[in-house]
Amino acid sequence: MKLDNLCYFGKSGGEEMANYDQKSQEAVGQMMRKMKEGRLKSGRSGKIVRSRKQAIAIGLSEARKKGAHIPSSG
């Protein structure tokens, strides 16, 4: 049996987690905790954030403002 054509996706099923520095990890962690507590609100509208992806995006944005070295989104 040839294994050349098989792909290994790991535990996450194809997606790999991005590696960021400590400052950005702390910022994302804070935003995730706020989201789970129901205290994280989005920018202009002020609506409560319920999406995990949006909480991560807000955390990375805050870390960028504080000077963490994170690749730009997009």
PDB file of N, CA and C in Angstrom:
ATOM      1  N   MET A   1       0.843  -1.181   0.000  1.00  0.00           N
ATOM      2  CA  MET A   1       0.000   0.000   0.000  1.00  0.00           C
ATOM      3  C   MET A   1       0.884   1.239   0.000  1.00  0.00           C
ATOM      4  N   LYS A   2       0.627   2.146  -0.937  1.00  0.00           N
ATOM      5  CA  LYS A   2       1.405   3.372  -1.015  1.00  0.00           C
ATOM      6  C   LYS A   2       0.813   4.430  -0.101  1.00  0.00           C
ATOM      7  N   LEU A   3       1.679   5.150   0.592  1.00  0.00           N
ATOM      8  CA  LEU A   3       1.228   6.209   1.478  1.00  0.00           C
ATOM      9  C   LEU A   3       1.547   7.595   0.926  1.00  0.00           C
ATOM     10  N   ASP A   4       2.014   7.648  -0.311  1.00  0.00           N
ATOM     11  CA  ASP A   4       2.436   8.923  -0.884  1.00  0.00           C
ATOM     12  C   ASP A   4       1.274   9.897  -1.077  1.00  0.00           C
ATOM     13  N   ASN A   5       0.111   9.388  -1.411  1.00  0.00           N
ATOM     14  CA  ASN A   5      -1.009  10.250  -1.750  1.00  0.00           C
ATOM     15  C   ASN A   5      -1.897  10.591  -0.564  1.00  0.00           C
ATOM     16  N   LEU A   6      -1.594  10.038   0.610  1.00  0.00           N
ATOM     17  CA  LEU A   6      -2.413  10.311   1.777  1.00  0.00           C
ATOM     18  C   LEU A   6      -1.980  11.613   2.432  1.00  0.00           C
ATOM     19  N   CYS A   7      -2.943  12.341   2.947  1.00  0.00           N
ATOM     20  CA  CYS A   7      -2.648  13.591   3.645  1.00  0.00           C
ATOM     21  C   CYS A   7      -2.889  13.393   5.133  1.00  0.00           C
ATOM     22  N   TYR A   8      -2.048  13.971   5.922  1.00  0.00           N
ATOM     23  CA  TYR A   8      -2.232  13.921   7.369  1.00  0.00           C
ATOM     24  C   TYR A   8      -2.750  15.273   7.831  1.00  0.00           C
ATOM     25  N   PHE A   9      -3.911  15.270   8.476  1.00  0.00           N
ATOM     26  CA  PHE A   9      -4.513  16.522   8.895  1.00  0.00           C
ATOM     27  C   PHE A   9      -4.344  16.790  10.378  1.00  0.00           C
ATOM     28  N   GLY A  10      -3.910  15.836  11.149  1.00  0.00           N
ATOM     29  CA  GLY A  10      -3.719  16.059  12.575  1.00  0.00           C
ATOM     30  C   GLY A  10      -5.029  16.016  13.341  1.00  0.00           C
ATOM     31  N   LYS A  11      -5.000  16.527  14.559  1.00  0.00           N
ATOM     32  CA  LYS A  11      -6.150  16.456  15.444  1.00  0.00           C
ATOM     33  C   LYS A  11      -7.283  17.376  15.018  1.00  0.00           C
ATOM     34  N   SER A  12      -6.951  18.512  14.426  1.00  0.00           N
ATOM     35  CA  SER A  12      -7.977  19.519  14.177  1.00  0.00           C
ATOM     36  C   SER A  12      -8.697  19.329  12.849  1.00  0.00           C
ATOM     37  N   GLY A  13      -8.407  18.286  12.129  1.00  0.00           N
ATOM     38  CA  GLY A  13      -9.139  18.015  10.908  1.00  0.00           C
ATOM     39  C   GLY A  13      -8.780  18.916   9.752  1.00  0.00           C
ATOM     40  N   GLY A  14      -7.536  19.300   9.629  1.00  0.00           N
ATOM     41  CA  GLY A  14      -7.115  20.072   8.471  1.00  0.00           C
ATOM     42  C   GLY A  14      -6.660  21.478   8.794  1.00  0.00           C
ATOM     43  N   GLU A  15      -7.134  22.027   9.879  1.00  0.00           N
ATOM     44  CA  GLU A  15      -6.748  23.386  10.227  1.00  0.00           C
ATOM     45  C   GLU A  15      -5.583  23.347  11.205  1.00  0.00           C
ATOM     46  N   GLU A  16      -4.615  24.229  10.983  1.00  0.00           N
ATOM     47  CA  GLU A  16      -3.513  24.338  11.918  1.00  0.00           C
ATOM     48  C   GLU A  16      -3.660  25.627  12.691  1.00  0.00           C
ATOM     49  N   MET A  17      -3.332  25.573  13.967  1.00  0.00           N
ATOM     50  CA  MET A  17      -3.436  26.749  14.793  1.00  0.00           C
ATOM     51  C   MET A  17      -2.271  27.680  14.517  1.00  0.00           C
ATOM     52  N   ALA A  18      -2.539  28.959  14.476  1.00  0.00           N
ATOM     53  CA  ALA A  18      -1.486  29.941  14.249  1.00  0.00           C
ATOM     54  C   ALA A  18      -0.704  30.155  15.540  1.00  0.00           C
ATOM     55  N   ASN A  19       0.580  30.420  15.408  1.00  0.00           N
ATOM     56  CA  ASN A  19       1.420  30.689  16.562  1.00  0.00           C
ATOM     57  C   ASN A  19       1.654  32.185  16.681  1.00  0.00           C
ATOM     58  N   TYR A  20       1.309  32.740  17.836  1.00  0.00           N
ATOM     59  CA  TYR A  20       1.492  34.150  18.091  1.00  0.00           C
ATOM     60  C   TYR A  20       2.343  34.321  19.334  1.00  0.00           C
ATOM     61  N   ASP A  21       2.821  35.541  19.569  1.00  0.00           N
ATOM     62  CA  ASP A  21       3.660  35.776  20.732  1.00  0.00           C
ATOM     63  C   ASP A  21       2.825  35.821  22.009  1.00  0.00           C
ATOM     64  N   GLN A  22       3.508  35.901  23.141  1.00  0.00           N
ATOM     65  CA  GLN A  22       2.861  35.806  24.446  1.00  0.00           C
ATOM     66  C   GLN A  22       1.860  36.931  24.673  1.00  0.00           C
ATOM     67  N   LYS A  23       2.200  38.136  24.257  1.00  0.00           N
ATOM     68  CA  LYS A  23       1.320  39.292  24.467  1.00  0.00           C
ATOM     69  C   LYS A  23      -0.016  39.095  23.757  1.00  0.00           C
ATOM     70  N   SER A  24       0.042  38.576  22.547  1.00  0.00           N
ATOM     71  CA  SER A  24      -1.195  38.382  21.797  1.00  0.00           C
ATOM     72  C   SER A  24      -2.007  37.219  22.355  1.00  0.00           C
ATOM     73  N   GLN A  25      -1.335  36.192  22.835  1.00  0.00           N
ATOM     74  CA  GLN A  25      -2.054  35.069  23.437  1.00  0.00           C
ATOM     75  C   GLN A  25      -2.808  35.513  24.684  1.00  0.00           C
ATOM     76  N   GLU A  26      -2.183  36.396  25.460  1.00  0.00           N
ATOM     77  CA  GLU A  26      -2.851  36.906  26.659  1.00  0.00           C
ATOM     78  C   GLU A  26      -4.058  37.766  26.278  1.00  0.00           C
ATOM     79  N   ALA A  27      -3.917  38.582  25.241  1.00  0.00           N
ATOM     80  CA  ALA A  27      -5.026  39.440  24.805  1.00  0.00           C
ATOM     81  C   ALA A  27      -6.195  38.599  24.318  1.00  0.00           C
ATOM     82  N   VAL A  28      -5.904  37.573  23.540  1.00  0.00           N
ATOM     83  CA  VAL A  28      -6.970  36.695  23.036  1.00  0.00           C
ATOM     84  C   VAL A  28      -7.618  35.955  24.199  1.00  0.00           C
ATOM     85  N   GLY A  29      -6.816  35.507  25.158  1.00  0.00           N
ATOM     86  CA  GLY A  29      -7.354  34.818  26.329  1.00  0.00           C
ATOM     87  C   GLY A  29      -8.298  35.695  27.128  1.00  0.00           C
ATOM     88  N   GLN A  30      -7.932  36.970  27.296  1.00  0.00           N
ATOM     89  CA  GLN A  30      -8.798  37.901  28.014  1.00  0.00           C
ATOM     90  C   GLN A  30     -10.122  38.091  27.284  1.00  0.00           C
ATOM     91  N   MET A  31     -10.057  38.224  25.965  1.00  0.00           N
ATOM     92  CA  MET A  31     -11.289  38.425  25.194  1.00  0.00           C
ATOM     93  C   MET A  31     -12.176  37.184  25.247  1.00  0.00           C
ATOM     94  N   MET A  32     -11.568  36.005  25.220  1.00  0.00           N
ATOM     95  CA  MET A  32     -12.358  34.771  25.298  1.00  0.00           C
ATOM     96  C   MET A  32     -13.059  34.676  26.650  1.00  0.00           C
ATOM     97  N   ARG A  33     -12.361  35.043  27.721  1.00  0.00           N
ATOM     98  CA  ARG A  33     -12.989  35.008  29.045  1.00  0.00           C
ATOM     99  C   ARG A  33     -14.152  35.999  29.114  1.00  0.00           C
ATOM    100  N   LYS A  34     -13.936  37.204  28.576  1.00  0.00           N
ATOM    101  CA  LYS A  34     -15.017  38.197  28.569  1.00  0.00           C
ATOM    102  C   LYS A  34     -16.221  37.701  27.782  1.00  0.00           C
ATOM    103  N   MET A  35     -15.941  37.043  26.634  1.00  0.00           N
ATOM    104  CA  MET A  35     -17.032  36.541  25.807  1.00  0.00           C
ATOM    105  C   MET A  35     -17.830  35.483  26.564  1.00  0.00           C
ATOM    106  N   LYS A  36     -17.134  34.579  27.235  1.00  0.00           N
ATOM    107  CA  LYS A  36     -17.824  33.509  27.952  1.00  0.00           C
ATOM    108  C   LYS A  36     -18.645  34.055  29.115  1.00  0.00           C
ATOM    109  N   GLU A  37     -18.176  35.168  29.692  1.00  0.00           N
ATOM    110  CA  GLU A  37     -18.919  35.794  30.787  1.00  0.00           C
ATOM    111  C   GLU A  37     -20.047  36.682  30.276  1.00  0.00           C
ATOM    112  N   GLY A  38     -20.067  36.947  28.962  1.00  0.00           N
ATOM    113  CA  GLY A  38     -21.100  37.794  28.379  1.00  0.00           C
ATOM    114  C   GLY A  38     -20.792  39.275  28.493  1.00  0.00           C
ATOM    115  N   ARG A  39     -19.508  39.631  28.695  1.00  0.00           N
ATOM    116  CA  ARG A  39     -19.128  41.030  28.870  1.00  0.00           C
ATOM    117  C   ARG A  39     -18.421  41.622  27.655  1.00  0.00           C
ATOM    118  N   LEU A  40     -18.160  40.834  26.629  1.00  0.00           N
ATOM    119  CA  LEU A  40     -17.441  41.333  25.457  1.00  0.00           C
ATOM    120  C   LEU A  40     -18.432  41.943  24.473  1.00  0.00           C
ATOM    121  N   LYS A  41     -18.187  43.213  24.148  1.00  0.00           N
ATOM    122  CA  LYS A  41     -19.075  43.908  23.221  1.00  0.00           C
ATOM    123  C   LYS A  41     -18.297  44.323  21.990  1.00  0.00           C
ATOM    124  N   SER A  42     -18.988  44.351  20.863  1.00  0.00           N
ATOM    125  CA  SER A  42     -18.345  44.718  19.615  1.00  0.00           C
ATOM    126  C   SER A  42     -18.217  46.237  19.541  1.00  0.00           C
ATOM    127  N   GLY A  43     -17.326  46.704  18.673  1.00  0.00           N
ATOM    128  CA  GLY A  43     -16.938  48.105  18.581  1.00  0.00           C
ATOM    129  C   GLY A  43     -18.043  49.134  18.572  1.00  0.00           C
ATOM    130  N   ARG A  44     -18.540  49.495  17.412  1.00  0.00           N
ATOM    131  CA  ARG A  44     -19.475  50.615  17.310  1.00  0.00           C
ATOM    132  C   ARG A  44     -20.884  50.258  17.755  1.00  0.00           C
ATOM    133  N   SER A  45     -21.347  49.090  17.379  1.00  0.00           N
ATOM    134  CA  SER A  45     -22.740  48.750  17.672  1.00  0.00           C
ATOM    135  C   SER A  45     -22.951  48.469  19.157  1.00  0.00           C
ATOM    136  N   GLY A  46     -21.923  47.964  19.815  1.00  0.00           N
ATOM    137  CA  GLY A  46     -22.039  47.673  21.237  1.00  0.00           C
ATOM    138  C   GLY A  46     -22.798  46.401  21.536  1.00  0.00           C
ATOM    139  N   LYS A  47     -23.044  45.590  20.493  1.00  0.00           N
ATOM    140  CA  LYS A  47     -23.753  44.329  20.705  1.00  0.00           C
ATOM    141  C   LYS A  47     -22.826  43.325  21.386  1.00  0.00           C
ATOM    142  N   ILE A  48     -23.420  42.416  22.141  1.00  0.00           N
ATOM    143  CA  ILE A  48     -22.645  41.387  22.823  1.00  0.00           C
ATOM    144  C   ILE A  48     -22.138  40.384  21.798  1.00  0.00           C
ATOM    145  N   VAL A  49     -20.843  40.064  21.899  1.00  0.00           N
ATOM    146  CA  VAL A  49     -20.213  39.131  20.972  1.00  0.00           C
ATOM    147  C   VAL A  49     -20.500  37.707  21.428  1.00  0.00           C
ATOM    148  N   ARG A  50     -21.020  36.878  20.521  1.00  0.00           N
ATOM    149  CA  ARG A  50     -21.295  35.489  20.841  1.00  0.00           C
ATOM    150  C   ARG A  50     -20.413  34.531  20.042  1.00  0.00           C
ATOM    151  N   SER A  51     -19.762  35.044  19.022  1.00  0.00           N
ATOM    152  CA  SER A  51     -18.964  34.207  18.135  1.00  0.00           C
ATOM    153  C   SER A  51     -17.536  34.057  18.657  1.00  0.00           C
ATOM    154  N   ARG A  52     -17.061  32.827  18.683  1.00  0.00           N
ATOM    155  CA  ARG A  52     -15.689  32.542  19.108  1.00  0.00           C
ATOM    156  C   ARG A  52     -14.689  33.208  18.174  1.00  0.00           C
ATOM    157  N   LYS A  53     -14.953  33.142  16.874  1.00  0.00           N
ATOM    158  CA  LYS A  53     -14.044  33.731  15.889  1.00  0.00           C
ATOM    159  C   LYS A  53     -13.962  35.242  16.053  1.00  0.00           C
ATOM    160  N   GLN A  54     -15.088  35.869  16.342  1.00  0.00           N
ATOM    161  CA  GLN A  54     -15.073  37.313  16.514  1.00  0.00           C
ATOM    162  C   GLN A  54     -14.314  37.704  17.777  1.00  0.00           C
ATOM    163  N   ALA A  55     -14.439  36.906  18.833  1.00  0.00           N
ATOM    164  CA  ALA A  55     -13.703  37.188  20.069  1.00  0.00           C
ATOM    165  C   ALA A  55     -12.201  37.110  19.820  1.00  0.00           C
ATOM    166  N   ILE A  56     -11.766  36.126  19.029  1.00  0.00           N
ATOM    167  CA  ILE A  56     -10.347  35.989  18.694  1.00  0.00           C
ATOM    168  C   ILE A  56      -9.891  37.182  17.873  1.00  0.00           C
ATOM    169  N   ALA A  57     -10.718  37.611  16.916  1.00  0.00           N
ATOM    170  CA  ALA A  57     -10.366  38.754  16.078  1.00  0.00           C
ATOM    171  C   ALA A  57     -10.230  40.024  16.911  1.00  0.00           C
ATOM    172  N   ILE A  58     -11.112  40.215  17.868  1.00  0.00           N
ATOM    173  CA  ILE A  58     -11.036  41.392  18.733  1.00  0.00           C
ATOM    174  C   ILE A  58      -9.770  41.330  19.577  1.00  0.00           C
ATOM    175  N   GLY A  59      -9.450  40.145  20.104  1.00  0.00           N
ATOM    176  CA  GLY A  59      -8.241  39.984  20.914  1.00  0.00           C
ATOM    177  C   GLY A  59      -6.979  40.284  20.122  1.00  0.00           C
ATOM    178  N   LEU A  60      -6.905  39.806  18.882  1.00  0.00           N
ATOM    179  CA  LEU A  60      -5.735  40.074  18.037  1.00  0.00           C
ATOM    180  C   LEU A  60      -5.648  41.553  17.685  1.00  0.00           C
ATOM    181  N   SER A  61      -6.784  42.181  17.459  1.00  0.00           N
ATOM    182  CA  SER A  61      -6.798  43.603  17.149  1.00  0.00           C
ATOM    183  C   SER A  61      -6.284  44.420  18.335  1.00  0.00           C
ATOM    184  N   GLU A  62      -6.726  44.064  19.534  1.00  0.00           N
ATOM    185  CA  GLU A  62      -6.251  44.750  20.742  1.00  0.00           C
ATOM    186  C   GLU A  62      -4.747  44.556  20.916  1.00  0.00           C
ATOM    187  N   ALA A  63      -4.268  43.351  20.647  1.00  0.00           N
ATOM    188  CA  ALA A  63      -2.833  43.076  20.781  1.00  0.00           C
ATOM    189  C   ALA A  63      -2.036  43.887  19.759  1.00  0.00           C
ATOM    190  N   ARG A  64      -2.565  44.035  18.549  1.00  0.00           N
ATOM    191  CA  ARG A  64      -1.890  44.863  17.526  1.00  0.00           C
ATOM    192  C   ARG A  64      -1.771  46.306  18.000  1.00  0.00           C
ATOM    193  N   LYS A  65      -2.826  46.808  18.627  1.00  0.00           N
ATOM    194  CA  LYS A  65      -2.807  48.181  19.128  1.00  0.00           C
ATOM    195  C   LYS A  65      -1.760  48.358  20.224  1.00  0.00           C
ATOM    196  N   LYS A  66      -1.521  47.285  21.006  1.00  0.00           N
ATOM    197  CA  LYS A  66      -0.534  47.351  22.076  1.00  0.00           C
ATOM    198  C   LYS A  66       0.886  47.115  21.570  1.00  0.00           C
ATOM    199  N   GLY A  67       1.023  46.770  20.289  1.00  0.00           N
ATOM    200  CA  GLY A  67       2.359  46.640  19.717  1.00  0.00           C
ATOM    201  C   GLY A  67       2.854  45.218  19.516  1.00  0.00           C
ATOM    202  N   ALA A  68       1.988  44.232  19.635  1.00  0.00           N
ATOM    203  CA  ALA A  68       2.402  42.844  19.417  1.00  0.00           C
ATOM    204  C   ALA A  68       2.654  42.607  17.938  1.00  0.00           C
ATOM    205  N   HIS A  69       3.586  41.742  17.630  1.00  0.00           N
ATOM    206  CA  HIS A  69       3.917  41.440  16.245  1.00  0.00           C
ATOM    207  C   HIS A  69       3.033  40.306  15.743  1.00  0.00           C
ATOM    208  N   ILE A  70       1.963  40.706  15.045  1.00  0.00           N
ATOM    209  CA  ILE A  70       0.990  39.759  14.509  1.00  0.00           C
ATOM    210  C   ILE A  70       0.808  40.073  13.041  1.00  0.00           C
ATOM    211  N   PRO A  71       0.797  39.063  12.179  1.00  0.00           N
ATOM    212  CA  PRO A  71       0.553  39.331  10.757  1.00  0.00           C
ATOM    213  C   PRO A  71      -0.806  39.990  10.571  1.00  0.00           C
ATOM    214  N   SER A  72      -0.899  40.890   9.612  1.00  0.00           N
ATOM    215  CA  SER A  72      -2.161  41.587   9.389  1.00  0.00           C
ATOM    216  C   SER A  72      -3.218  40.616   8.893  1.00  0.00           C
ATOM    217  N   SER A  73      -4.458  40.925   9.215  1.00  0.00           N
ATOM    218  CA  SER A  73      -5.548  40.044   8.792  1.00  0.00           C
ATOM    219  C   SER A  73      -5.808  40.234   7.322  1.00  0.00           C
ATOM    220  N   GLY A  74      -6.238  39.157   6.672  1.00  0.00           N
ATOM    221  CA  GLY A  74      -6.590  39.299   5.273  1.00  0.00           C
ATOM    222  C   GLY A  74      -5.990  38.335   4.415  1.00  0.00           C
TER     223      GLY A  74
END
